[in-house]
């Protein structure tokens, strides 16, 4: 039976405790991916958002969640097909993060700095049981892997969230699967903690993979959930 809590804060905390304690990782990752044609994408201000002119999908961005940028200069804040292979500090981090995702066919829309990326999917990948389900009303349900109904379909105002936790990399990927205007997308948030081997200072100065630092991680994930809700609402 699904564990349902009327208090979304307790729900989120309990969910993250489960994930971190189990060190839950994704299944087999696929290293093949390509990018959406960069000519389809544009950045607009007031409001600050990225727009795909072909699909008419809008991605409103929260600047407070996506700055500062440590990728080697603000010219590379917006990473897409045209500049992905250019040399910048977070290139290895972004490539490794994309490769960790278990989707078979990965088409990257864009990457924003070293923190956020969007991929278009060919299906909802419902066989990958989410760790918990959320919606634009702020409801949250922990999904128990053994009881996940693999025939369940993703609905317009819901999103499925998975955490991919890599203690050796001090990295957590927060993967929100959504349906926007009839197509499936993965919104991926990167929580990269400080690590000596990375050539740039990380935004997160605590080890996000450690259960004892759960409150910091939880606050960050709540902010990401708000941003995903904003994207869903913008495309209704």
C-alpha atoms as a PDB file:
ATOM      1  CA  UNK A   1       0.000   0.000   0.000  1.00  0.00           C
ATOM      2  CA  UNK A   2       1.291   3.475  -0.808  1.00  0.00           C
ATOM      3  CA  UNK A   3       2.379   5.538   2.152  1.00  0.00           C
ATOM      4  CA  UNK A   4       0.275   8.711   2.110  1.00  0.00           C
ATOM      5  CA  UNK A   5       0.858  11.599   4.502  1.00  0.00           C
ATOM      6  CA  UNK A   6      -1.391  14.646   4.648  1.00  0.00           C
ATOM      7  CA  UNK A   7       1.596  16.778   5.678  1.00  0.00           C
ATOM      8  CA  UNK A   8       3.658  17.262   2.526  1.00  0.00           C
ATOM      9  CA  UNK A   9       6.741  18.278   4.528  1.00  0.00           C
ATOM     10  CA  UNK A  10       6.744  15.036   6.492  1.00  0.00           C
ATOM     11  CA  UNK A  11       6.033  13.178   3.259  1.00  0.00           C
ATOM     12  CA  UNK A  12       8.999  14.699   1.469  1.00  0.00           C
ATOM     13  CA  UNK A  13      11.325  14.113   4.414  1.00  0.00           C
ATOM     14  CA  UNK A  14      10.264  10.497   4.800  1.00  0.00           C
ATOM     15  CA  UNK A  15      10.694   9.919   1.089  1.00  0.00           C
ATOM     16  CA  UNK A  16      14.207  11.329   1.051  1.00  0.00           C
ATOM     17  CA  UNK A  17      15.178   9.328   4.141  1.00  0.00           C
ATOM     18  CA  UNK A  18      14.121   6.170   2.313  1.00  0.00           C
ATOM     19  CA  UNK A  19      16.105   7.128  -0.773  1.00  0.00           C
ATOM     20  CA  UNK A  20      19.276   8.141   1.028  1.00  0.00           C
ATOM     21  CA  UNK A  21      19.251   5.224   3.445  1.00  0.00           C
ATOM     22  CA  UNK A  22      18.925   2.754   0.604  1.00  0.00           C
ATOM     23  CA  UNK A  23      21.410   4.623  -1.616  1.00  0.00           C
ATOM     24  CA  UNK A  24      18.968   3.979  -4.412  1.00  0.00           C
ATOM     25  CA  UNK A  25      20.539   4.138  -7.850  1.00  0.00           C
ATOM     26  CA  UNK A  26      19.003   3.921 -11.288  1.00  0.00           C
ATOM     27  CA  UNK A  27      19.112   0.868 -13.526  1.00  0.00           C
ATOM     28  CA  UNK A  28      21.445   0.501 -16.465  1.00  0.00           C
ATOM     29  CA  UNK A  29      22.268   3.873 -17.976  1.00  0.00           C
ATOM     30  CA  UNK A  30      22.595   4.600 -21.653  1.00  0.00           C
ATOM     31  CA  UNK A  31      25.413   6.839 -22.897  1.00  0.00           C
ATOM     32  CA  UNK A  32      23.828   7.681 -26.269  1.00  0.00           C
ATOM     33  CA  UNK A  33      22.115  11.041 -26.594  1.00  0.00           C
ATOM     34  CA  UNK A  34      21.673  13.909 -28.986  1.00  0.00           C
ATOM     35  CA  UNK A  35      20.390  17.479 -28.873  1.00  0.00           C
ATOM     36  CA  UNK A  36      17.349  19.314 -30.156  1.00  0.00           C
ATOM     37  CA  UNK A  37      18.121  21.696 -33.030  1.00  0.00           C
ATOM     38  CA  UNK A  38      19.348  24.847 -31.282  1.00  0.00           C
ATOM     39  CA  UNK A  39      17.542  27.074 -33.814  1.00  0.00           C
ATOM     40  CA  UNK A  40      14.258  26.006 -32.201  1.00  0.00           C
ATOM     41  CA  UNK A  41      15.238  27.497 -28.832  1.00  0.00           C
ATOM     42  CA  UNK A  42      15.342  31.077 -27.626  1.00  0.00           C
ATOM     43  CA  UNK A  43      15.743  32.879 -24.301  1.00  0.00           C
ATOM     44  CA  UNK A  44      13.382  35.670 -23.336  1.00  0.00           C
ATOM     45  CA  UNK A  45      13.347  38.049 -20.415  1.00  0.00           C
ATOM     46  CA  UNK A  46      10.439  39.573 -18.506  1.00  0.00           C
ATOM     47  CA  UNK A  47       9.425  36.875 -17.789  1.00  0.00           C
ATOM     48  CA  UNK A  48      12.699  34.973 -17.828  1.00  0.00           C
ATOM     49  CA  UNK A  49      12.067  31.797 -19.824  1.00  0.00           C
ATOM     50  CA  UNK A  50      13.314  29.493 -22.563  1.00  0.00           C
ATOM     51  CA  UNK A  51      10.923  28.786 -25.437  1.00  0.00           C
ATOM     52  CA  UNK A  52      10.923  26.023 -28.035  1.00  0.00           C
ATOM     53  CA  UNK A  53       9.340  27.615 -31.116  1.00  0.00           C
ATOM     54  CA  UNK A  54       8.585  24.254 -32.745  1.00  0.00           C
ATOM     55  CA  UNK A  55       6.700  22.671 -29.840  1.00  0.00           C
ATOM     56  CA  UNK A  56       5.651  25.977 -28.248  1.00  0.00           C
ATOM     57  CA  UNK A  57       6.834  24.680 -24.888  1.00  0.00           C
ATOM     58  CA  UNK A  58       7.831  27.364 -22.375  1.00  0.00           C
ATOM     59  CA  UNK A  59      10.323  26.829 -19.569  1.00  0.00           C
ATOM     60  CA  UNK A  60       9.978  29.628 -17.004  1.00  0.00           C
ATOM     61  CA  UNK A  61      13.125  29.759 -14.899  1.00  0.00           C
ATOM     62  CA  UNK A  62      13.719  30.792 -11.308  1.00  0.00           C
ATOM     63  CA  UNK A  63      16.966  32.708 -11.335  1.00  0.00           C
ATOM     64  CA  UNK A  64      17.405  32.317  -7.586  1.00  0.00           C
ATOM     65  CA  UNK A  65      17.579  28.532  -8.018  1.00  0.00           C
ATOM     66  CA  UNK A  66      19.921  28.602 -10.996  1.00  0.00           C
ATOM     67  CA  UNK A  67      22.611  31.053  -9.935  1.00  0.00           C
ATOM     68  CA  UNK A  68      25.453  31.541  -9.391  1.00  0.00           C
ATOM     69  CA  UNK A  69      26.886  29.844 -12.461  1.00  0.00           C
ATOM     70  CA  UNK A  70      30.226  28.041 -12.121  1.00  0.00           C
ATOM     71  CA  UNK A  71      30.470  26.600 -15.623  1.00  0.00           C
ATOM     72  CA  UNK A  72      33.253  28.891 -16.766  1.00  0.00           C
ATOM     73  CA  UNK A  73      31.493  32.108 -17.717  1.00  0.00           C
ATOM     74  CA  UNK A  74      27.985  33.358 -18.206  1.00  0.00           C
ATOM     75  CA  UNK A  75      28.346  33.041 -21.991  1.00  0.00           C
ATOM     76  CA  UNK A  76      27.831  29.313 -21.353  1.00  0.00           C
ATOM     77  CA  UNK A  77      24.842  29.688 -19.072  1.00  0.00           C
ATOM     78  CA  UNK A  78      22.631  28.302 -21.839  1.00  0.00           C
ATOM     79  CA  UNK A  79      24.099  25.092 -23.273  1.00  0.00           C
ATOM     80  CA  UNK A  80      22.571  23.521 -26.369  1.00  0.00           C
ATOM     81  CA  UNK A  81      23.438  21.741 -29.600  1.00  0.00           C
ATOM     82  CA  UNK A  82      25.512  24.654 -30.904  1.00  0.00           C
ATOM     83  CA  UNK A  83      27.949  24.943 -27.990  1.00  0.00           C
ATOM     84  CA  UNK A  84      27.767  21.663 -26.052  1.00  0.00           C
ATOM     85  CA  UNK A  85      31.197  20.458 -27.192  1.00  0.00           C
ATOM     86  CA  UNK A  86      32.925  23.739 -26.373  1.00  0.00           C
ATOM     87  CA  UNK A  87      35.410  23.686 -23.516  1.00  0.00           C
ATOM     88  CA  UNK A  88      33.918  24.754 -20.197  1.00  0.00           C
ATOM     89  CA  UNK A  89      34.413  23.698 -16.609  1.00  0.00           C
ATOM     90  CA  UNK A  90      31.224  21.696 -16.114  1.00  0.00           C
ATOM     91  CA  UNK A  91      31.379  19.742 -19.387  1.00  0.00           C
ATOM     92  CA  UNK A  92      32.334  16.445 -17.702  1.00  0.00           C
ATOM     93  CA  UNK A  93      29.703  16.918 -14.995  1.00  0.00           C
ATOM     94  CA  UNK A  94      26.936  17.507 -17.529  1.00  0.00           C
ATOM     95  CA  UNK A  95      27.978  14.623 -19.770  1.00  0.00           C
ATOM     96  CA  UNK A  96      28.231  12.233 -16.811  1.00  0.00           C
ATOM     97  CA  UNK A  97      24.836  13.341 -15.496  1.00  0.00           C
ATOM     98  CA  UNK A  98      23.142  12.754 -18.856  1.00  0.00           C
ATOM     99  CA  UNK A  99      24.783   9.334 -19.089  1.00  0.00           C
ATOM    100  CA  UNK A 100      23.384   8.346 -15.677  1.00  0.00           C
ATOM    101  CA  UNK A 101      19.804   8.699 -16.867  1.00  0.00           C
ATOM    102  CA  UNK A 102      18.228   5.314 -17.676  1.00  0.00           C
ATOM    103  CA  UNK A 103      16.187   6.424 -20.691  1.00  0.00           C
ATOM    104  CA  UNK A 104      16.937   4.578 -23.924  1.00  0.00           C
ATOM    105  CA  UNK A 105      16.344   7.461 -26.312  1.00  0.00           C
ATOM    106  CA  UNK A 106      17.664  10.718 -24.887  1.00  0.00           C
ATOM    107  CA  UNK A 107      17.193  13.979 -26.757  1.00  0.00           C
ATOM    108  CA  UNK A 108      18.456  16.936 -24.748  1.00  0.00           C
ATOM    109  CA  UNK A 109      16.547  20.184 -25.217  1.00  0.00           C
ATOM    110  CA  UNK A 110      19.066  22.322 -23.340  1.00  0.00           C
ATOM    111  CA  UNK A 111      21.228  22.540 -20.231  1.00  0.00           C
ATOM    112  CA  UNK A 112      21.179  25.579 -17.985  1.00  0.00           C
ATOM    113  CA  UNK A 113      24.557  26.191 -16.351  1.00  0.00           C
ATOM    114  CA  UNK A 114      25.656  23.263 -14.178  1.00  0.00           C
ATOM    115  CA  UNK A 115      22.307  22.748 -12.468  1.00  0.00           C
ATOM    116  CA  UNK A 116      19.355  22.037 -14.713  1.00  0.00           C
ATOM    117  CA  UNK A 117      18.560  20.243 -17.968  1.00  0.00           C
ATOM    118  CA  UNK A 118      15.527  19.220 -19.991  1.00  0.00           C
ATOM    119  CA  UNK A 119      15.227  16.077 -22.124  1.00  0.00           C
ATOM    120  CA  UNK A 120      12.427  15.099 -24.458  1.00  0.00           C
ATOM    121  CA  UNK A 121      11.327  11.477 -24.072  1.00  0.00           C
ATOM    122  CA  UNK A 122       9.527   9.195 -26.509  1.00  0.00           C
ATOM    123  CA  UNK A 123       7.341   7.786 -23.700  1.00  0.00           C
ATOM    124  CA  UNK A 124       6.687   8.216 -19.994  1.00  0.00           C
ATOM    125  CA  UNK A 125       8.983   5.274 -19.076  1.00  0.00           C
ATOM    126  CA  UNK A 126       6.387   4.097 -16.543  1.00  0.00           C
ATOM    127  CA  UNK A 127       8.353   0.894 -15.990  1.00  0.00           C
ATOM    128  CA  UNK A 128      10.847   2.998 -14.001  1.00  0.00           C
ATOM    129  CA  UNK A 129       8.945   3.260 -10.726  1.00  0.00           C
ATOM    130  CA  UNK A 130       9.124   6.782  -9.296  1.00  0.00           C
ATOM    131  CA  UNK A 131      10.252   7.324  -5.742  1.00  0.00           C
ATOM    132  CA  UNK A 132       7.289   9.602  -5.240  1.00  0.00           C
ATOM    133  CA  UNK A 133       4.530  11.340  -7.191  1.00  0.00           C
ATOM    134  CA  UNK A 134       3.650  15.015  -6.939  1.00  0.00           C
ATOM    135  CA  UNK A 135       1.258  17.422  -8.611  1.00  0.00           C
ATOM    136  CA  UNK A 136       0.613  21.132  -9.082  1.00  0.00           C
ATOM    137  CA  UNK A 137      -1.595  21.137  -5.958  1.00  0.00           C
ATOM    138  CA  UNK A 138       1.484  20.212  -3.865  1.00  0.00           C
ATOM    139  CA  UNK A 139       0.185  16.730  -3.034  1.00  0.00           C
ATOM    140  CA  UNK A 140       2.924  14.158  -2.530  1.00  0.00           C
ATOM    141  CA  UNK A 141       2.724  10.353  -2.411  1.00  0.00           C
ATOM    142  CA  UNK A 142       5.638   8.033  -1.686  1.00  0.00           C
ATOM    143  CA  UNK A 143       5.600   5.179  -4.204  1.00  0.00           C
ATOM    144  CA  UNK A 144       6.635   1.790  -2.852  1.00  0.00           C
ATOM    145  CA  UNK A 145       8.643  -0.071  -5.547  1.00  0.00           C
ATOM    146  CA  UNK A 146       7.014  -3.430  -4.867  1.00  0.00           C
ATOM    147  CA  UNK A 147       3.533  -2.002  -5.324  1.00  0.00           C
ATOM    148  CA  UNK A 148       4.070   0.288  -8.309  1.00  0.00           C
ATOM    149  CA  UNK A 149       1.535  -0.320 -11.070  1.00  0.00           C
ATOM    150  CA  UNK A 150       3.622  -0.358 -14.257  1.00  0.00           C
ATOM    151  CA  UNK A 151       0.476   0.273 -16.324  1.00  0.00           C
ATOM    152  CA  UNK A 152      -0.160   3.599 -14.634  1.00  0.00           C
ATOM    153  CA  UNK A 153      -0.090   6.619 -16.951  1.00  0.00           C
ATOM    154  CA  UNK A 154       1.409  10.011 -16.252  1.00  0.00           C
ATOM    155  CA  UNK A 155      -1.297  12.691 -16.098  1.00  0.00           C
ATOM    156  CA  UNK A 156      -1.109  16.318 -17.245  1.00  0.00           C
ATOM    157  CA  UNK A 157      -0.925  17.964 -13.832  1.00  0.00           C
ATOM    158  CA  UNK A 158       1.228  15.316 -12.133  1.00  0.00           C
ATOM    159  CA  UNK A 159       4.931  14.597 -12.158  1.00  0.00           C
ATOM    160  CA  UNK A 160       6.930  11.553 -11.179  1.00  0.00           C
ATOM    161  CA  UNK A 161      10.156  12.103  -9.279  1.00  0.00           C
ATOM    162  CA  UNK A 162      13.218   9.855  -8.982  1.00  0.00           C
ATOM    163  CA  UNK A 163      16.429  10.515  -7.118  1.00  0.00           C
ATOM    164  CA  UNK A 164      19.644   9.043  -8.515  1.00  0.00           C
ATOM    165  CA  UNK A 165      22.166   9.103  -5.690  1.00  0.00           C
ATOM    166  CA  UNK A 166      25.897   8.679  -6.300  1.00  0.00           C
ATOM    167  CA  UNK A 167      27.840   8.842  -2.996  1.00  0.00           C
ATOM    168  CA  UNK A 168      31.237   8.396  -4.676  1.00  0.00           C
ATOM    169  CA  UNK A 169      30.507  11.397  -6.906  1.00  0.00           C
ATOM    170  CA  UNK A 170      28.787  13.363  -4.121  1.00  0.00           C
ATOM    171  CA  UNK A 171      25.983  13.928  -6.595  1.00  0.00           C
ATOM    172  CA  UNK A 172      22.208  13.651  -6.542  1.00  0.00           C
ATOM    173  CA  UNK A 173      20.157  13.883  -9.728  1.00  0.00           C
ATOM    174  CA  UNK A 174      16.544  14.845  -9.186  1.00  0.00           C
ATOM    175  CA  UNK A 175      14.561  13.625 -12.209  1.00  0.00           C
ATOM    176  CA  UNK A 176      11.000  14.898 -12.696  1.00  0.00           C
ATOM    177  CA  UNK A 177       9.012  13.283 -15.508  1.00  0.00           C
ATOM    178  CA  UNK A 178       6.229  15.472 -16.856  1.00  0.00           C
ATOM    179  CA  UNK A 179       3.798  15.619 -19.766  1.00  0.00           C
ATOM    180  CA  UNK A 180       3.719  18.975 -21.563  1.00  0.00           C
ATOM    181  CA  UNK A 181       1.214  19.494 -24.389  1.00  0.00           C
ATOM    182  CA  UNK A 182       0.943  15.771 -24.994  1.00  0.00           C
ATOM    183  CA  UNK A 183       4.687  15.014 -25.039  1.00  0.00           C
ATOM    184  CA  UNK A 184       6.885  13.541 -22.313  1.00  0.00           C
ATOM    185  CA  UNK A 185       9.877  15.314 -20.816  1.00  0.00           C
ATOM    186  CA  UNK A 186      12.407  14.788 -18.050  1.00  0.00           C
ATOM    187  CA  UNK A 187      13.384  17.838 -16.033  1.00  0.00           C
ATOM    188  CA  UNK A 188      16.681  17.028 -14.348  1.00  0.00           C
ATOM    189  CA  UNK A 189      18.167  19.018 -11.471  1.00  0.00           C
ATOM    190  CA  UNK A 190      21.809  18.451 -10.567  1.00  0.00           C
ATOM    191  CA  UNK A 191      22.906  18.663  -6.940  1.00  0.00           C
ATOM    192  CA  UNK A 192      26.683  18.450  -7.075  1.00  0.00           C
ATOM    193  CA  UNK A 193      28.420  18.814  -3.736  1.00  0.00           C
ATOM    194  CA  UNK A 194      31.954  20.121  -3.324  1.00  0.00           C
ATOM    195  CA  UNK A 195      34.493  17.590  -4.563  1.00  0.00           C
ATOM    196  CA  UNK A 196      38.236  18.079  -4.973  1.00  0.00           C
ATOM    197  CA  UNK A 197      38.364  16.464  -8.397  1.00  0.00           C
ATOM    198  CA  UNK A 198      35.983  19.008  -9.971  1.00  0.00           C
ATOM    199  CA  UNK A 199      37.569  22.047 -11.639  1.00  0.00           C
ATOM    200  CA  UNK A 200      35.036  24.518 -10.248  1.00  0.00           C
ATOM    201  CA  UNK A 201      33.496  25.280  -6.833  1.00  0.00           C
ATOM    202  CA  UNK A 202      30.126  23.624  -6.325  1.00  0.00           C
ATOM    203  CA  UNK A 203      27.080  25.541  -5.133  1.00  0.00           C
ATOM    204  CA  UNK A 204      26.351  22.904  -2.499  1.00  0.00           C
ATOM    205  CA  UNK A 205      28.866  22.913   0.332  1.00  0.00           C
ATOM    206  CA  UNK A 206      27.419  19.894   2.091  1.00  0.00           C
ATOM    207  CA  UNK A 207      27.400  16.290   0.959  1.00  0.00           C
ATOM    208  CA  UNK A 208      23.871  15.933  -0.398  1.00  0.00           C
ATOM    209  CA  UNK A 209      24.150  12.121  -0.378  1.00  0.00           C
ATOM    210  CA  UNK A 210      24.499  11.914   3.421  1.00  0.00           C
ATOM    211  CA  UNK A 211      21.329  11.270   5.479  1.00  0.00           C
ATOM    212  CA  UNK A 212      22.488  13.446   8.382  1.00  0.00           C
ATOM    213  CA  UNK A 213      22.411  16.469   6.062  1.00  0.00           C
ATOM    214  CA  UNK A 214      18.853  15.709   4.992  1.00  0.00           C
ATOM    215  CA  UNK A 215      17.330  19.107   5.936  1.00  0.00           C
ATOM    216  CA  UNK A 216      19.546  20.972   3.465  1.00  0.00           C
ATOM    217  CA  UNK A 217      18.785  18.508   0.677  1.00  0.00           C
ATOM    218  CA  UNK A 218      15.073  18.564   1.407  1.00  0.00           C
ATOM    219  CA  UNK A 219      14.861  22.370   1.161  1.00  0.00           C
ATOM    220  CA  UNK A 220      16.653  22.252  -2.180  1.00  0.00           C
ATOM    221  CA  UNK A 221      14.314  19.555  -3.549  1.00  0.00           C
ATOM    222  CA  UNK A 222      11.264  21.540  -2.458  1.00  0.00           C
ATOM    223  CA  UNK A 223      12.535  24.483  -4.510  1.00  0.00           C
ATOM    224  CA  UNK A 224      12.961  22.188  -7.517  1.00  0.00           C
ATOM    225  CA  UNK A 225       9.399  20.903  -7.112  1.00  0.00           C
ATOM    226  CA  UNK A 226       8.102  24.478  -7.194  1.00  0.00           C
ATOM    227  CA  UNK A 227       9.995  25.097 -10.426  1.00  0.00           C
ATOM    228  CA  UNK A 228       8.597  21.945 -12.061  1.00  0.00           C
ATOM    229  CA  UNK A 229       5.081  23.006 -11.069  1.00  0.00           C
ATOM    230  CA  UNK A 230       5.678  26.400 -12.643  1.00  0.00           C
ATOM    231  CA  UNK A 231       6.733  24.756 -15.928  1.00  0.00           C
ATOM    232  CA  UNK A 232       3.634  22.509 -15.958  1.00  0.00           C
ATOM    233  CA  UNK A 233       1.285  25.436 -15.288  1.00  0.00           C
ATOM    234  CA  UNK A 234       2.946  27.549 -18.019  1.00  0.00           C
ATOM    235  CA  UNK A 235       2.135  24.879 -20.600  1.00  0.00           C
ATOM    236  CA  UNK A 236      -1.461  24.013 -19.704  1.00  0.00           C
END
